[in-house]
Amino acid sequence: MIIGVPAETTAGETCVAVTPETARKLRAHGHALRVQTQSGLSTSVTDEAYQAAGAEITDAM
């Protein structure tokens, strides 16, 4: 299954749907993850952290 993780667009929103640890667990179960670039910035999670967890970074959802 391909799981898409979009960036939050609501003003003041400071959460993200998937953490790198959750991405790692989902990958271990055979899922592919596509994370919108900079979706984790409000929680201090970088695109590189998602890539290290096995997620693909995309420009748009």
PDB file of N, CA and C in Angstrom:
ATOM      1  N   MET A   1       0.843  -1.157   0.000  1.00  0.00           N
ATOM      2  CA  MET A   1       0.000   0.000   0.000  1.00  0.00           C
ATOM      3  C   MET A   1       0.899   1.233   0.000  1.00  0.00           C
ATOM      4  N   ILE A   2       0.514   2.244  -0.759  1.00  0.00           N
ATOM      5  CA  ILE A   2       1.217   3.524  -0.751  1.00  0.00           C
ATOM      6  C   ILE A   2       0.471   4.454   0.188  1.00  0.00           C
ATOM      7  N   ILE A   3       1.184   5.009   1.155  1.00  0.00           N
ATOM      8  CA  ILE A   3       0.595   5.916   2.134  1.00  0.00           C
ATOM      9  C   ILE A   3       1.161   7.305   1.886  1.00  0.00           C
ATOM     10  N   GLY A   4       0.289   8.289   1.674  1.00  0.00           N
ATOM     11  CA  GLY A   4       0.699   9.666   1.454  1.00  0.00           C
ATOM     12  C   GLY A   4       0.545  10.483   2.725  1.00  0.00           C
ATOM     13  N   VAL A   5       1.553  11.303   3.013  1.00  0.00           N
ATOM     14  CA  VAL A   5       1.528  12.152   4.205  1.00  0.00           C
ATOM     15  C   VAL A   5       1.644  13.605   3.747  1.00  0.00           C
ATOM     16  N   PRO A   6       0.517  14.334   3.688  1.00  0.00           N
ATOM     17  CA  PRO A   6       0.571  15.731   3.257  1.00  0.00           C
ATOM     18  C   PRO A   6       1.002  16.650   4.402  1.00  0.00           C
ATOM     19  N   ALA A   7       1.509  17.807   4.015  1.00  0.00           N
ATOM     20  CA  ALA A   7       1.835  18.836   5.010  1.00  0.00           C
ATOM     21  C   ALA A   7       0.535  19.458   5.501  1.00  0.00           C
ATOM     22  N   GLU A   8       0.509  19.857   6.760  1.00  0.00           N
ATOM     23  CA  GLU A   8      -0.659  20.559   7.294  1.00  0.00           C
ATOM     24  C   GLU A   8      -0.706  21.952   6.678  1.00  0.00           C
ATOM     25  N   THR A   9      -1.884  22.436   6.324  1.00  0.00           N
ATOM     26  CA  THR A   9      -2.003  23.741   5.686  1.00  0.00           C
ATOM     27  C   THR A   9      -2.783  24.754   6.519  1.00  0.00           C
ATOM     28  N   THR A  10      -3.320  24.328   7.644  1.00  0.00           N
ATOM     29  CA  THR A  10      -4.065  25.223   8.509  1.00  0.00           C
ATOM     30  C   THR A  10      -3.098  26.125   9.268  1.00  0.00           C
ATOM     31  N   ALA A  11      -3.370  27.408   9.294  1.00  0.00           N
ATOM     32  CA  ALA A  11      -2.507  28.356  10.008  1.00  0.00           C
ATOM     33  C   ALA A  11      -2.379  27.959  11.474  1.00  0.00           C
ATOM     34  N   GLY A  12      -1.150  27.938  11.974  1.00  0.00           N
ATOM     35  CA  GLY A  12      -0.900  27.619  13.371  1.00  0.00           C
ATOM     36  C   GLY A  12      -0.861  26.135  13.688  1.00  0.00           C
ATOM     37  N   GLU A  13      -1.084  25.285  12.699  1.00  0.00           N
ATOM     38  CA  GLU A  13      -1.069  23.833  12.923  1.00  0.00           C
ATOM     39  C   GLU A  13       0.364  23.377  13.196  1.00  0.00           C
ATOM     40  N   THR A  14       0.559  22.642  14.272  1.00  0.00           N
ATOM     41  CA  THR A  14       1.912  22.224  14.663  1.00  0.00           C
ATOM     42  C   THR A  14       2.022  20.712  14.830  1.00  0.00           C
ATOM     43  N   CYS A  15       1.337  19.966  13.979  1.00  0.00           N
ATOM     44  CA  CYS A  15       1.449  18.515  14.062  1.00  0.00           C
ATOM     45  C   CYS A  15       1.719  17.956  12.671  1.00  0.00           C
ATOM     46  N   VAL A  16       2.093  16.701  12.649  1.00  0.00           N
ATOM     47  CA  VAL A  16       2.292  15.992  11.389  1.00  0.00           C
ATOM     48  C   VAL A  16       1.691  14.608  11.571  1.00  0.00           C
ATOM     49  N   ALA A  17       1.129  14.059  10.510  1.00  0.00           N
ATOM     50  CA  ALA A  17       0.385  12.807  10.611  1.00  0.00           C
ATOM     51  C   ALA A  17       1.253  11.592  10.918  1.00  0.00           C
ATOM     52  N   VAL A  18       2.511  11.609  10.479  1.00  0.00           N
ATOM     53  CA  VAL A  18       3.394  10.453  10.658  1.00  0.00           C
ATOM     54  C   VAL A  18       4.772  10.927  11.097  1.00  0.00           C
ATOM     55  N   THR A  19       5.309  10.307  12.120  1.00  0.00           N
ATOM     56  CA  THR A  19       6.673  10.594  12.541  1.00  0.00           C
ATOM     57  C   THR A  19       7.636   9.674  11.788  1.00  0.00           C
ATOM     58  N   PRO A  20       8.924   9.983  11.784  1.00  0.00           N
ATOM     59  CA  PRO A  20       9.866   9.066  11.153  1.00  0.00           C
ATOM     60  C   PRO A  20       9.827   7.658  11.767  1.00  0.00           C
ATOM     61  N   GLU A  21       9.623   7.557  13.062  1.00  0.00           N
ATOM     62  CA  GLU A  21       9.545   6.234  13.706  1.00  0.00           C
ATOM     63  C   GLU A  21       8.340   5.444  13.189  1.00  0.00           C
ATOM     64  N   THR A  22       7.201   6.114  13.048  1.00  0.00           N
ATOM     65  CA  THR A  22       6.022   5.456  12.500  1.00  0.00           C
ATOM     66  C   THR A  22       6.257   5.071  11.040  1.00  0.00           C
ATOM     67  N   ALA A  23       6.911   5.951  10.295  1.00  0.00           N
ATOM     68  CA  ALA A  23       7.249   5.639   8.897  1.00  0.00           C
ATOM     69  C   ALA A  23       8.107   4.378   8.835  1.00  0.00           C
ATOM     70  N   ARG A  24       9.068   4.272   9.716  1.00  0.00           N
ATOM     71  CA  ARG A  24       9.946   3.091   9.765  1.00  0.00           C
ATOM     72  C   ARG A  24       9.128   1.826  10.031  1.00  0.00           C
ATOM     73  N   LYS A  25       8.192   1.896  10.955  1.00  0.00           N
ATOM     74  CA  LYS A  25       7.354   0.736  11.286  1.00  0.00           C
ATOM     75  C   LYS A  25       6.449   0.349  10.117  1.00  0.00           C
ATOM     76  N   LEU A  26       5.879   1.350   9.453  1.00  0.00           N
ATOM     77  CA  LEU A  26       5.027   1.065   8.307  1.00  0.00           C
ATOM     78  C   LEU A  26       5.829   0.444   7.175  1.00  0.00           C
ATOM     79  N   ARG A  27       7.050   0.932   6.950  1.00  0.00           N
ATOM     80  CA  ARG A  27       7.925   0.350   5.932  1.00  0.00           C
ATOM     81  C   ARG A  27       8.246  -1.101   6.271  1.00  0.00           C
ATOM     82  N   ALA A  28       8.450  -1.392   7.542  1.00  0.00           N
ATOM     83  CA  ALA A  28       8.759  -2.756   7.973  1.00  0.00           C
ATOM     84  C   ALA A  28       7.607  -3.713   7.665  1.00  0.00           C
ATOM     85  N   HIS A  29       6.406  -3.171   7.572  1.00  0.00           N
ATOM     86  CA  HIS A  29       5.231  -3.979   7.232  1.00  0.00           C
ATOM     87  C   HIS A  29       4.972  -4.004   5.730  1.00  0.00           C
ATOM     88  N   GLY A  30       5.900  -3.440   4.944  1.00  0.00           N
ATOM     89  CA  GLY A  30       5.802  -3.519   3.499  1.00  0.00           C
ATOM     90  C   GLY A  30       5.110  -2.364   2.802  1.00  0.00           C
ATOM     91  N   HIS A  31       4.782  -1.317   3.524  1.00  0.00           N
ATOM     92  CA  HIS A  31       4.107  -0.167   2.924  1.00  0.00           C
ATOM     93  C   HIS A  31       5.126   0.824   2.368  1.00  0.00           C
ATOM     94  N   ALA A  32       4.737   1.550   1.335  1.00  0.00           N
ATOM     95  CA  ALA A  32       5.558   2.636   0.786  1.00  0.00           C
ATOM     96  C   ALA A  32       4.985   3.947   1.306  1.00  0.00           C
ATOM     97  N   LEU A  33       5.872   4.874   1.683  1.00  0.00           N
ATOM     98  CA  LEU A  33       5.415   6.169   2.195  1.00  0.00           C
ATOM     99  C   LEU A  33       5.922   7.288   1.323  1.00  0.00           C
ATOM    100  N   ARG A  34       5.012   8.206   1.013  1.00  0.00           N
ATOM    101  CA  ARG A  34       5.370   9.421   0.296  1.00  0.00           C
ATOM    102  C   ARG A  34       5.000  10.587   1.191  1.00  0.00           C
ATOM    103  N   VAL A  35       6.011  11.334   1.604  1.00  0.00           N
ATOM    104  CA  VAL A  35       5.833  12.443   2.536  1.00  0.00           C
ATOM    105  C   VAL A  35       6.050  13.754   1.789  1.00  0.00           C
ATOM    106  N   GLN A  36       5.094  14.668   1.911  1.00  0.00           N
ATOM    107  CA  GLN A  36       5.244  15.964   1.258  1.00  0.00           C
ATOM    108  C   GLN A  36       6.397  16.717   1.900  1.00  0.00           C
ATOM    109  N   THR A  37       7.228  17.332   1.061  1.00  0.00           N
ATOM    110  CA  THR A  37       8.395  18.037   1.550  1.00  0.00           C
ATOM    111  C   THR A  37       8.035  19.064   2.614  1.00  0.00           C
ATOM    112  N   GLN A  38       8.840  19.145   3.617  1.00  0.00           N
ATOM    113  CA  GLN A  38       8.727  20.080   4.744  1.00  0.00           C
ATOM    114  C   GLN A  38       7.485  19.866   5.605  1.00  0.00           C
ATOM    115  N   SER A  39       6.849  18.695   5.506  1.00  0.00           N
ATOM    116  CA  SER A  39       5.644  18.455   6.306  1.00  0.00           C
ATOM    117  C   SER A  39       5.946  18.345   7.794  1.00  0.00           C
ATOM    118  N   GLY A  40       7.180  18.031   8.149  1.00  0.00           N
ATOM    119  CA  GLY A  40       7.514  17.890   9.560  1.00  0.00           C
ATOM    120  C   GLY A  40       8.188  19.095  10.187  1.00  0.00           C
ATOM    121  N   LEU A  41       8.339  20.178   9.442  1.00  0.00           N
ATOM    122  CA  LEU A  41       9.074  21.333   9.961  1.00  0.00           C
ATOM    123  C   LEU A  41       8.488  21.910  11.246  1.00  0.00           C
ATOM    124  N   SER A  42       7.162  21.943  11.359  1.00  0.00           N
ATOM    125  CA  SER A  42       6.549  22.519  12.569  1.00  0.00           C
ATOM    126  C   SER A  42       6.840  21.686  13.815  1.00  0.00           C
ATOM    127  N   THR A  43       7.270  20.449  13.618  1.00  0.00           N
ATOM    128  CA  THR A  43       7.622  19.574  14.744  1.00  0.00           C
ATOM    129  C   THR A  43       9.114  19.271  14.768  1.00  0.00           C
ATOM    130  N   SER A  44       9.896  20.075  14.035  1.00  0.00           N
ATOM    131  CA  SER A  44      11.359  19.957  13.971  1.00  0.00           C
ATOM    132  C   SER A  44      11.828  18.636  13.377  1.00  0.00           C
ATOM    133  N   VAL A  45      11.044  18.071  12.462  1.00  0.00           N
ATOM    134  CA  VAL A  45      11.432  16.844  11.772  1.00  0.00           C
ATOM    135  C   VAL A  45      11.795  17.221  10.337  1.00  0.00           C
ATOM    136  N   THR A  46      12.982  16.855   9.911  1.00  0.00           N
ATOM    137  CA  THR A  46      13.461  17.215   8.582  1.00  0.00           C
ATOM    138  C   THR A  46      13.078  16.173   7.533  1.00  0.00           C
ATOM    139  N   ASP A  47      13.140  16.600   6.281  1.00  0.00           N
ATOM    140  CA  ASP A  47      12.922  15.673   5.174  1.00  0.00           C
ATOM    141  C   ASP A  47      13.933  14.533   5.236  1.00  0.00           C
ATOM    142  N   GLU A  48      15.164  14.856   5.628  1.00  0.00           N
ATOM    143  CA  GLU A  48      16.216  13.847   5.723  1.00  0.00           C
ATOM    144  C   GLU A  48      15.878  12.763   6.756  1.00  0.00           C
ATOM    145  N   ALA A  49      15.203  13.142   7.837  1.00  0.00           N
ATOM    146  CA  ALA A  49      14.798  12.150   8.849  1.00  0.00           C
ATOM    147  C   ALA A  49      13.779  11.175   8.256  1.00  0.00           C
ATOM    148  N   TYR A  50      12.863  11.693   7.447  1.00  0.00           N
ATOM    149  CA  TYR A  50      11.894  10.814   6.787  1.00  0.00           C
ATOM    150  C   TYR A  50      12.578   9.916   5.767  1.00  0.00           C
ATOM    151  N   GLN A  51      13.522  10.464   5.019  1.00  0.00           N
ATOM    152  CA  GLN A  51      14.258   9.663   4.044  1.00  0.00           C
ATOM    153  C   GLN A  51      15.048   8.559   4.735  1.00  0.00           C
ATOM    154  N   ALA A  52      15.653   8.874   5.863  1.00  0.00           N
ATOM    155  CA  ALA A  52      16.408   7.867   6.619  1.00  0.00           C
ATOM    156  C   ALA A  52      15.492   6.752   7.109  1.00  0.00           C
ATOM    157  N   ALA A  53      14.217   7.072   7.314  1.00  0.00           N
ATOM    158  CA  ALA A  53      13.235   6.072   7.748  1.00  0.00           C
ATOM    159  C   ALA A  53      12.672   5.287   6.575  1.00  0.00           C
ATOM    160  N   GLY A  54      13.072   5.651   5.350  1.00  0.00           N
ATOM    161  CA  GLY A  54      12.632   4.902   4.178  1.00  0.00           C
ATOM    162  C   GLY A  54      11.504   5.537   3.395  1.00  0.00           C
ATOM    163  N   ALA A  55      11.111   6.764   3.758  1.00  0.00           N
ATOM    164  CA  ALA A  55      10.028   7.438   3.034  1.00  0.00           C
ATOM    165  C   ALA A  55      10.587   8.181   1.826  1.00  0.00           C
ATOM    166  N   GLU A  56       9.737   8.335   0.826  1.00  0.00           N
ATOM    167  CA  GLU A  56      10.067   9.138  -0.346  1.00  0.00           C
ATOM    168  C   GLU A  56       9.529  10.541  -0.090  1.00  0.00           C
ATOM    169  N   ILE A  57      10.311  11.562  -0.397  1.00  0.00           N
ATOM    170  CA  ILE A  57       9.868  12.950  -0.245  1.00  0.00           C
ATOM    171  C   ILE A  57       9.324  13.419  -1.583  1.00  0.00           C
ATOM    172  N   THR A  58       8.117  14.039  -1.552  1.00  0.00           N
ATOM    173  CA  THR A  58       7.481  14.532  -2.773  1.00  0.00           C
ATOM    174  C   THR A  58       7.203  16.014  -2.644  1.00  0.00           C
ATOM    175  N   ASP A  59       7.027  16.690  -3.787  1.00  0.00           N
ATOM    176  CA  ASP A  59       6.760  18.120  -3.792  1.00  0.00           C
ATOM    177  C   ASP A  59       5.311  18.457  -3.453  1.00  0.00           C
ATOM    178  N   ALA A  60       4.390  17.600  -3.855  1.00  0.00           N
ATOM    179  CA  ALA A  60       2.966  17.891  -3.647  1.00  0.00           C
ATOM    180  C   ALA A  60       2.189  16.608  -3.439  1.00  0.00           C
ATOM    181  N   MET A  61       1.038  16.729  -2.869  1.00  0.00           N
ATOM    182  CA  MET A  61       0.154  15.575  -2.658  1.00  0.00           C
ATOM    183  C   MET A  61      -1.057  15.728  -3.528  1.00  0.00           C
TER     184      MET A  61
END
